[in-house]
Amino acid sequence: MKKRPVMISRFILLSSCVALSACAGSSQLGKAPKNAVGAPSNVTVAESGQLPPPERMDLFEMNRAYLIGPFDKLIIDVFGIEELSKKEVQTDAGGRISFPLAGIIEAVGKTPAEVEDVIEERLRGRFVRDPQVTVNLKETVSQVITVDGQVKEPGLYPVIGKMTLMRAVATAQGAAEFAKLDDVVIFRTVKGQKMAALFDLKAIRRGAYDDPEVFANDVVVVGDSNARRLFKDALQVLPLLTTPIVVALQN
């Protein structure tokens, strides 16, 4: 009988947290454990029921089309001119490339099609009457996601086209045998604000809610990990139910 007040208090806390997660407005959940550098982080329920996509600048400058970044490798062809075809170039640390007759081109943040336009404009008239340029991505190291935690092959993986949470986990060769699939976190920066969302991969597979899109620079954590523990205590009483829990992390 002595334990009954404690059990009632825990039930009230759990009920309050469930109600809190369903509210539309932002509400303070409390402080998470200290991070790696010892600074406490606040965890706040975001106003939206979904983790918002990053803006173009959040990705280092996100468009559905691929944006070229530092150290990406490109293959450039100028139709009908052998000397300017099958040219493999790599952007430097600042995202620039050099191409014969076209000079230095600021490629960072541009799509391959936009780089094609720049090269065509520089070649047209002076060197080639009607240049037809093709720029293809060969290899990328700039737009990647991190997949960590209880997956078979944690690491960095390129984001080309549209990628979802399930595809991201599959890219890392799938979840480990005893992975906590109801405990998957996506960390993201939106307008400079660090955010995170807690997902239930099993519920997504059942169709309880949509498979969320992931973007370059996202960190996907499956199950237990050091990153997950940053706000584990603050969220441990919140059930996933049928929607993700989105929070804002403030240092």
C-alpha atoms as a PDB file:
ATOM      1  CA  MET A   1       0.000   0.000   0.000  1.00  0.00           C
ATOM      2  CA  LYS A   2       2.904   2.375   0.584  1.00  0.00           C
ATOM      3  CA  LYS A   3       3.874   2.249  -3.099  1.00  0.00           C
ATOM      4  CA  ARG A   4       0.426   3.330  -4.298  1.00  0.00           C
ATOM      5  CA  PRO A   5       1.048   7.141  -4.172  1.00  0.00           C
ATOM      6  CA  VAL A   6       4.186   6.668  -6.257  1.00  0.00           C
ATOM      7  CA  MET A   7       2.329   4.603  -8.846  1.00  0.00           C
ATOM      8  CA  ILE A   8      -0.456   7.208  -9.000  1.00  0.00           C
ATOM      9  CA  SER A   9       2.112   9.974  -9.466  1.00  0.00           C
ATOM     10  CA  ARG A  10       3.755   8.093 -12.311  1.00  0.00           C
ATOM     11  CA  PHE A  11       0.373   7.508 -13.953  1.00  0.00           C
ATOM     12  CA  ILE A  12      -0.459  11.214 -13.703  1.00  0.00           C
ATOM     13  CA  LEU A  13       2.945  12.117 -15.175  1.00  0.00           C
ATOM     14  CA  LEU A  14       2.492   9.667 -18.046  1.00  0.00           C
ATOM     15  CA  SER A  15      -1.026  10.926 -18.760  1.00  0.00           C
ATOM     16  CA  SER A  16       0.176  14.524 -18.729  1.00  0.00           C
ATOM     17  CA  CYS A  17       2.993  13.738 -21.151  1.00  0.00           C
ATOM     18  CA  VAL A  18       0.649  11.951 -23.546  1.00  0.00           C
ATOM     19  CA  ALA A  19      -1.676  14.947 -23.513  1.00  0.00           C
ATOM     20  CA  LEU A  20       1.296  17.237 -23.987  1.00  0.00           C
ATOM     21  CA  SER A  21       2.462  15.367 -27.059  1.00  0.00           C
ATOM     22  CA  ALA A  22      -0.956  15.821 -28.651  1.00  0.00           C
ATOM     23  CA  CYS A  23      -1.061  19.582 -28.147  1.00  0.00           C
ATOM     24  CA  ALA A  24      -0.559  21.813 -31.161  1.00  0.00           C
ATOM     25  CA  GLY A  25       1.436  24.503 -29.379  1.00  0.00           C
ATOM     26  CA  SER A  26       5.005  24.311 -28.123  1.00  0.00           C
ATOM     27  CA  SER A  27       5.353  23.128 -24.536  1.00  0.00           C
ATOM     28  CA  GLN A  28       8.441  22.718 -22.387  1.00  0.00           C
ATOM     29  CA  LEU A  29       9.158  19.111 -21.456  1.00  0.00           C
ATOM     30  CA  GLY A  30      12.115  19.854 -19.242  1.00  0.00           C
ATOM     31  CA  LYS A  31      15.852  19.487 -19.464  1.00  0.00           C
ATOM     32  CA  ALA A  32      17.628  16.608 -21.105  1.00  0.00           C
ATOM     33  CA  PRO A  33      20.839  15.111 -19.735  1.00  0.00           C
ATOM     34  CA  LYS A  34      23.995  17.135 -20.287  1.00  0.00           C
ATOM     35  CA  ASN A  35      25.591  16.740 -23.660  1.00  0.00           C
ATOM     36  CA  ALA A  36      29.139  15.661 -24.447  1.00  0.00           C
ATOM     37  CA  VAL A  37      30.617  19.052 -23.575  1.00  0.00           C
ATOM     38  CA  GLY A  38      28.687  19.320 -20.317  1.00  0.00           C
ATOM     39  CA  ALA A  39      26.124  21.892 -21.398  1.00  0.00           C
ATOM     40  CA  PRO A  40      22.468  21.097 -20.583  1.00  0.00           C
ATOM     41  CA  SER A  41      19.998  20.960 -23.471  1.00  0.00           C
ATOM     42  CA  ASN A  42      16.333  21.920 -23.340  1.00  0.00           C
ATOM     43  CA  VAL A  43      13.807  19.715 -25.119  1.00  0.00           C
ATOM     44  CA  THR A  44      10.684  21.364 -26.464  1.00  0.00           C
ATOM     45  CA  VAL A  45       7.773  19.822 -28.333  1.00  0.00           C
ATOM     46  CA  ALA A  46       7.649  21.474 -31.743  1.00  0.00           C
ATOM     47  CA  GLU A  47       4.485  23.211 -32.911  1.00  0.00           C
ATOM     48  CA  SER A  48       4.219  21.008 -35.984  1.00  0.00           C
ATOM     49  CA  GLY A  49       3.296  17.342 -35.804  1.00  0.00           C
ATOM     50  CA  GLN A  50       5.958  16.627 -38.407  1.00  0.00           C
ATOM     51  CA  LEU A  51       9.694  17.183 -38.582  1.00  0.00           C
ATOM     52  CA  PRO A  52       9.970  20.059 -41.079  1.00  0.00           C
ATOM     53  CA  PRO A  53      12.304  19.777 -44.051  1.00  0.00           C
ATOM     54  CA  PRO A  54      15.535  21.794 -43.946  1.00  0.00           C
ATOM     55  CA  GLU A  55      15.832  24.919 -46.002  1.00  0.00           C
ATOM     56  CA  ARG A  56      18.382  25.280 -48.810  1.00  0.00           C
ATOM     57  CA  MET A  57      20.854  27.039 -46.537  1.00  0.00           C
ATOM     58  CA  ASP A  58      20.533  24.303 -43.898  1.00  0.00           C
ATOM     59  CA  LEU A  59      22.068  21.873 -46.364  1.00  0.00           C
ATOM     60  CA  PHE A  60      25.001  24.189 -46.844  1.00  0.00           C
ATOM     61  CA  GLU A  61      23.232  25.899 -49.025  1.00  0.00           C
ATOM     62  CA  MET A  62      17.463  21.457 -50.459  1.00  0.00           C
ATOM     63  CA  ASN A  63      16.051  21.271 -53.559  1.00  0.00           C
ATOM     64  CA  ARG A  64      14.770  17.974 -54.839  1.00  0.00           C
ATOM     65  CA  ALA A  65      17.429  18.165 -57.532  1.00  0.00           C
ATOM     66  CA  TYR A  66      20.945  17.341 -56.375  1.00  0.00           C
ATOM     67  CA  LEU A  67      23.051  20.309 -55.289  1.00  0.00           C
ATOM     68  CA  ILE A  68      26.766  20.079 -55.956  1.00  0.00           C
ATOM     69  CA  GLY A  69      29.060  20.434 -52.966  1.00  0.00           C
ATOM     70  CA  PRO A  70      32.767  20.428 -52.072  1.00  0.00           C
ATOM     71  CA  PHE A  71      34.822  17.465 -53.307  1.00  0.00           C
ATOM     72  CA  ASP A  72      32.047  16.067 -55.503  1.00  0.00           C
ATOM     73  CA  LYS A  73      33.246  14.351 -58.679  1.00  0.00           C
ATOM     74  CA  LEU A  74      31.541  15.265 -61.966  1.00  0.00           C
ATOM     75  CA  ILE A  75      31.764  13.994 -65.527  1.00  0.00           C
ATOM     76  CA  ILE A  76      31.314  16.706 -68.148  1.00  0.00           C
ATOM     77  CA  ASP A  77      30.653  16.125 -71.853  1.00  0.00           C
ATOM     78  CA  VAL A  78      30.393  18.630 -74.675  1.00  0.00           C
ATOM     79  CA  PHE A  79      28.528  16.893 -77.481  1.00  0.00           C
ATOM     80  CA  GLY A  80      30.525  16.486 -80.682  1.00  0.00           C
ATOM     81  CA  ILE A  81      33.848  17.738 -79.259  1.00  0.00           C
ATOM     82  CA  GLU A  82      36.097  14.873 -78.244  1.00  0.00           C
ATOM     83  CA  GLU A  83      38.623  17.087 -76.470  1.00  0.00           C
ATOM     84  CA  LEU A  84      35.894  18.366 -74.144  1.00  0.00           C
ATOM     85  CA  SER A  85      34.107  15.079 -73.559  1.00  0.00           C
ATOM     86  CA  LYS A  86      34.277  12.568 -70.720  1.00  0.00           C
ATOM     87  CA  LYS A  87      36.146  15.111 -68.619  1.00  0.00           C
ATOM     88  CA  GLU A  88      36.220  14.081 -64.962  1.00  0.00           C
ATOM     89  CA  VAL A  89      36.521  17.037 -62.610  1.00  0.00           C
ATOM     90  CA  GLN A  90      36.322  17.392 -58.851  1.00  0.00           C
ATOM     91  CA  THR A  91      35.140  20.434 -56.963  1.00  0.00           C
ATOM     92  CA  ASP A  92      37.636  21.905 -54.554  1.00  0.00           C
ATOM     93  CA  ALA A  93      37.037  22.742 -50.882  1.00  0.00           C
ATOM     94  CA  GLY A  94      35.175  25.868 -51.931  1.00  0.00           C
ATOM     95  CA  GLY A  95      33.004  24.035 -54.461  1.00  0.00           C
ATOM     96  CA  ARG A  96      34.759  25.380 -57.577  1.00  0.00           C
ATOM     97  CA  ILE A  97      35.710  23.526 -60.754  1.00  0.00           C
ATOM     98  CA  SER A  98      37.935  24.372 -63.687  1.00  0.00           C
ATOM     99  CA  PHE A  99      36.917  23.410 -67.223  1.00  0.00           C
ATOM    100  CA  PRO A 100      38.853  23.990 -70.456  1.00  0.00           C
ATOM    101  CA  LEU A 101      37.861  27.224 -72.233  1.00  0.00           C
ATOM    102  CA  ALA A 102      35.176  27.911 -69.615  1.00  0.00           C
ATOM    103  CA  GLY A 103      37.565  28.783 -66.796  1.00  0.00           C
ATOM    104  CA  ILE A 104      36.724  28.663 -63.084  1.00  0.00           C
ATOM    105  CA  ILE A 105      33.095  27.906 -62.238  1.00  0.00           C
ATOM    106  CA  GLU A 106      31.414  28.281 -58.848  1.00  0.00           C
ATOM    107  CA  ALA A 107      29.585  24.946 -58.751  1.00  0.00           C
ATOM    108  CA  VAL A 108      28.713  24.688 -55.057  1.00  0.00           C
ATOM    109  CA  GLY A 109      24.984  24.974 -54.381  1.00  0.00           C
ATOM    110  CA  LYS A 110      24.171  24.603 -58.075  1.00  0.00           C
ATOM    111  CA  THR A 111      22.441  21.689 -59.739  1.00  0.00           C
ATOM    112  CA  PRO A 112      24.232  19.826 -62.541  1.00  0.00           C
ATOM    113  CA  ALA A 113      21.796  21.445 -64.982  1.00  0.00           C
ATOM    114  CA  GLU A 114      22.750  24.912 -63.734  1.00  0.00           C
ATOM    115  CA  VAL A 115      26.442  24.113 -64.243  1.00  0.00           C
ATOM    116  CA  GLU A 116      25.594  22.939 -67.762  1.00  0.00           C
ATOM    117  CA  ASP A 117      24.043  26.351 -68.452  1.00  0.00           C
ATOM    118  CA  VAL A 118      27.133  28.182 -67.168  1.00  0.00           C
ATOM    119  CA  ILE A 119      29.510  26.149 -69.328  1.00  0.00           C
ATOM    120  CA  GLU A 120      27.305  26.498 -72.417  1.00  0.00           C
ATOM    121  CA  GLU A 121      27.124  30.251 -71.945  1.00  0.00           C
ATOM    122  CA  ARG A 122      30.907  30.562 -71.677  1.00  0.00           C
ATOM    123  CA  LEU A 123      31.574  28.351 -74.688  1.00  0.00           C
ATOM    124  CA  ARG A 124      28.864  29.756 -76.933  1.00  0.00           C
ATOM    125  CA  GLY A 125      29.999  31.996 -79.756  1.00  0.00           C
ATOM    126  CA  ARG A 126      33.702  32.309 -78.992  1.00  0.00           C
ATOM    127  CA  PHE A 127      34.575  28.602 -78.983  1.00  0.00           C
ATOM    128  CA  VAL A 128      31.504  26.543 -79.937  1.00  0.00           C
ATOM    129  CA  ARG A 129      28.610  27.737 -82.091  1.00  0.00           C
ATOM    130  CA  ASP A 130      25.862  25.833 -80.278  1.00  0.00           C
ATOM    131  CA  PRO A 131      27.339  23.893 -77.348  1.00  0.00           C
ATOM    132  CA  GLN A 132      25.384  21.038 -75.801  1.00  0.00           C
ATOM    133  CA  VAL A 133      26.810  20.250 -72.381  1.00  0.00           C
ATOM    134  CA  THR A 134      25.986  17.370 -70.046  1.00  0.00           C
ATOM    135  CA  VAL A 135      27.069  17.291 -66.406  1.00  0.00           C
ATOM    136  CA  ASN A 136      26.634  14.076 -64.447  1.00  0.00           C
ATOM    137  CA  LEU A 137      27.431  13.309 -60.837  1.00  0.00           C
ATOM    138  CA  LYS A 138      29.981  10.513 -60.474  1.00  0.00           C
ATOM    139  CA  GLU A 139      30.650  10.562 -56.752  1.00  0.00           C
ATOM    140  CA  THR A 140      29.500  12.661 -53.819  1.00  0.00           C
ATOM    141  CA  VAL A 141      30.919  13.217 -50.377  1.00  0.00           C
ATOM    142  CA  SER A 142      29.140  16.494 -49.627  1.00  0.00           C
ATOM    143  CA  GLN A 143      25.467  15.485 -49.353  1.00  0.00           C
ATOM    144  CA  VAL A 144      25.359  12.565 -46.993  1.00  0.00           C
ATOM    145  CA  ILE A 145      23.336  11.247 -44.089  1.00  0.00           C
ATOM    146  CA  THR A 146      24.721   9.538 -41.025  1.00  0.00           C
ATOM    147  CA  VAL A 147      23.098   6.243 -40.041  1.00  0.00           C
ATOM    148  CA  ASP A 148      24.123   5.171 -36.552  1.00  0.00           C
ATOM    149  CA  GLY A 149      23.041   2.918 -33.714  1.00  0.00           C
ATOM    150  CA  GLN A 150      21.740  -0.615 -34.080  1.00  0.00           C
ATOM    151  CA  VAL A 151      22.232  -1.102 -37.821  1.00  0.00           C
ATOM    152  CA  LYS A 152      24.478  -3.639 -39.517  1.00  0.00           C
ATOM    153  CA  GLU A 153      26.779  -1.090 -41.170  1.00  0.00           C
ATOM    154  CA  PRO A 154      26.746   2.349 -39.486  1.00  0.00           C
ATOM    155  CA  GLY A 155      28.323   5.111 -41.512  1.00  0.00           C
ATOM    156  CA  LEU A 156      27.921   7.983 -43.958  1.00  0.00           C
ATOM    157  CA  TYR A 157      25.746   7.409 -47.029  1.00  0.00           C
ATOM    158  CA  PRO A 158      25.117   9.722 -50.014  1.00  0.00           C
ATOM    159  CA  VAL A 159      21.697  11.257 -50.604  1.00  0.00           C
ATOM    160  CA  ILE A 160      20.839  11.252 -54.291  1.00  0.00           C
ATOM    161  CA  GLY A 161      17.223  11.959 -55.166  1.00  0.00           C
ATOM    162  CA  LYS A 162      14.540  11.283 -52.582  1.00  0.00           C
ATOM    163  CA  MET A 163      15.420   9.130 -49.573  1.00  0.00           C
ATOM    164  CA  THR A 164      13.148   8.012 -46.747  1.00  0.00           C
ATOM    165  CA  LEU A 165      13.813   6.674 -43.268  1.00  0.00           C
ATOM    166  CA  MET A 166      13.210   3.061 -44.314  1.00  0.00           C
ATOM    167  CA  ARG A 167      15.524   3.454 -47.311  1.00  0.00           C
ATOM    168  CA  ALA A 168      18.190   5.013 -45.103  1.00  0.00           C
ATOM    169  CA  VAL A 169      18.127   2.037 -42.732  1.00  0.00           C
ATOM    170  CA  ALA A 170      18.167  -0.369 -45.692  1.00  0.00           C
ATOM    171  CA  THR A 171      21.185   1.485 -47.117  1.00  0.00           C
ATOM    172  CA  ALA A 172      23.022   0.673 -43.890  1.00  0.00           C
ATOM    173  CA  GLN A 173      22.267  -3.015 -44.618  1.00  0.00           C
ATOM    174  CA  GLY A 174      19.237  -3.009 -42.352  1.00  0.00           C
ATOM    175  CA  ALA A 175      18.704  -3.030 -38.615  1.00  0.00           C
ATOM    176  CA  ALA A 176      20.656  -5.315 -36.335  1.00  0.00           C
ATOM    177  CA  GLU A 177      18.987  -8.480 -35.060  1.00  0.00           C
ATOM    178  CA  PHE A 178      17.927  -7.049 -31.719  1.00  0.00           C
ATOM    179  CA  ALA A 179      17.508  -3.395 -32.762  1.00  0.00           C
ATOM    180  CA  LYS A 180      14.847  -1.303 -31.060  1.00  0.00           C
ATOM    181  CA  LEU A 181      12.756  -0.454 -34.113  1.00  0.00           C
ATOM    182  CA  ASP A 182      10.262   1.500 -32.014  1.00  0.00           C
ATOM    183  CA  ASP A 183      13.064   3.836 -30.955  1.00  0.00           C
ATOM    184  CA  VAL A 184      14.437   5.552 -34.085  1.00  0.00           C
ATOM    185  CA  VAL A 185      15.527   9.197 -34.036  1.00  0.00           C
ATOM    186  CA  ILE A 186      16.194  11.657 -36.857  1.00  0.00           C
ATOM    187  CA  PHE A 187      18.340  14.666 -35.900  1.00  0.00           C
ATOM    188  CA  ARG A 188      18.072  17.685 -38.218  1.00  0.00           C
ATOM    189  CA  THR A 189      18.930  21.382 -38.353  1.00  0.00           C
ATOM    190  CA  VAL A 190      16.165  23.655 -39.665  1.00  0.00           C
ATOM    191  CA  LYS A 191      16.841  27.400 -39.992  1.00  0.00           C
ATOM    192  CA  GLY A 192      19.758  26.939 -37.617  1.00  0.00           C
ATOM    193  CA  GLN A 193      17.548  25.223 -35.017  1.00  0.00           C
ATOM    194  CA  LYS A 194      18.559  21.724 -33.964  1.00  0.00           C
ATOM    195  CA  MET A 195      15.557  19.413 -33.980  1.00  0.00           C
ATOM    196  CA  ALA A 196      14.851  15.733 -33.511  1.00  0.00           C
ATOM    197  CA  ALA A 197      11.943  13.382 -34.109  1.00  0.00           C
ATOM    198  CA  LEU A 198      11.262  10.028 -32.529  1.00  0.00           C
ATOM    199  CA  PHE A 199       9.810   7.362 -34.862  1.00  0.00           C
ATOM    200  CA  ASP A 200       8.493   3.819 -34.642  1.00  0.00           C
ATOM    201  CA  LEU A 201       9.856   1.961 -37.663  1.00  0.00           C
ATOM    202  CA  LYS A 202       7.550  -0.983 -37.007  1.00  0.00           C
ATOM    203  CA  ALA A 203       4.538   1.337 -37.080  1.00  0.00           C
ATOM    204  CA  ILE A 204       5.735   2.834 -40.374  1.00  0.00           C
ATOM    205  CA  ARG A 205       6.017  -0.638 -41.854  1.00  0.00           C
ATOM    206  CA  ARG A 206       2.439  -1.356 -40.751  1.00  0.00           C
ATOM    207  CA  GLY A 207       1.282   1.824 -42.459  1.00  0.00           C
ATOM    208  CA  ALA A 208       0.343   3.610 -39.215  1.00  0.00           C
ATOM    209  CA  TYR A 209       1.942   6.747 -40.647  1.00  0.00           C
ATOM    210  CA  ASP A 210       4.015   7.762 -43.656  1.00  0.00           C
ATOM    211  CA  ASP A 211       7.650   6.869 -44.129  1.00  0.00           C
ATOM    212  CA  PRO A 212       9.331  10.264 -43.453  1.00  0.00           C
ATOM    213  CA  GLU A 213      11.785  11.770 -45.905  1.00  0.00           C
ATOM    214  CA  VAL A 214      15.388  12.250 -44.814  1.00  0.00           C
ATOM    215  CA  PHE A 215      17.708  14.932 -46.143  1.00  0.00           C
ATOM    216  CA  ALA A 216      21.418  15.589 -46.464  1.00  0.00           C
ATOM    217  CA  ASN A 217      23.112  16.247 -43.109  1.00  0.00           C
ATOM    218  CA  ASP A 218      20.414  14.320 -41.183  1.00  0.00           C
ATOM    219  CA  VAL A 219      21.583  11.893 -38.507  1.00  0.00           C
ATOM    220  CA  VAL A 220      19.483   8.725 -38.203  1.00  0.00           C
ATOM    221  CA  VAL A 221      19.927   6.784 -34.966  1.00  0.00           C
ATOM    222  CA  VAL A 222      18.362   3.333 -34.626  1.00  0.00           C
ATOM    223  CA  GLY A 223      17.895   2.136 -31.056  1.00  0.00           C
ATOM    224  CA  ASP A 224      20.319   2.896 -28.288  1.00  0.00           C
ATOM    225  CA  SER A 225      23.382   5.102 -28.882  1.00  0.00           C
ATOM    226  CA  ASN A 226      25.280   7.994 -27.333  1.00  0.00           C
ATOM    227  CA  ALA A 227      23.364  10.460 -29.485  1.00  0.00           C
ATOM    228  CA  ARG A 228      20.016   8.973 -28.463  1.00  0.00           C
ATOM    229  CA  ARG A 229      20.870   9.390 -24.779  1.00  0.00           C
ATOM    230  CA  LEU A 230      21.079  13.175 -25.173  1.00  0.00           C
ATOM    231  CA  PHE A 231      17.350  13.420 -24.562  1.00  0.00           C
ATOM    232  CA  LYS A 232      16.450   9.857 -23.553  1.00  0.00           C
ATOM    233  CA  ASP A 233      15.407  10.714 -19.995  1.00  0.00           C
ATOM    234  CA  ALA A 234      13.196  13.581 -21.111  1.00  0.00           C
ATOM    235  CA  LEU A 235      11.244  11.431 -23.569  1.00  0.00           C
ATOM    236  CA  GLN A 236      11.285   8.020 -21.919  1.00  0.00           C
ATOM    237  CA  VAL A 237       7.707   8.338 -20.619  1.00  0.00           C
ATOM    238  CA  LEU A 238       6.262   9.415 -24.005  1.00  0.00           C
ATOM    239  CA  PRO A 239       4.727   6.636 -26.115  1.00  0.00           C
ATOM    240  CA  LEU A 240       5.041   6.872 -29.891  1.00  0.00           C
ATOM    241  CA  LEU A 241       1.361   6.054 -30.460  1.00  0.00           C
ATOM    242  CA  THR A 242       0.695   6.519 -34.187  1.00  0.00           C
ATOM    243  CA  THR A 243       2.608   9.739 -34.828  1.00  0.00           C
ATOM    244  CA  PRO A 244       6.233  10.792 -34.398  1.00  0.00           C
ATOM    245  CA  ILE A 245       7.227  13.017 -31.504  1.00  0.00           C
ATOM    246  CA  VAL A 246       9.040  16.116 -32.754  1.00  0.00           C
ATOM    247  CA  VAL A 247      11.209  18.148 -30.402  1.00  0.00           C
ATOM    248  CA  ALA A 248      13.452  21.184 -30.614  1.00  0.00           C
ATOM    249  CA  LEU A 249      16.848  20.936 -28.951  1.00  0.00           C
ATOM    250  CA  GLN A 250      18.149  24.187 -27.500  1.00  0.00           C
ATOM    251  CA  ASN A 251      21.623  24.466 -26.037  1.00  0.00           C
END
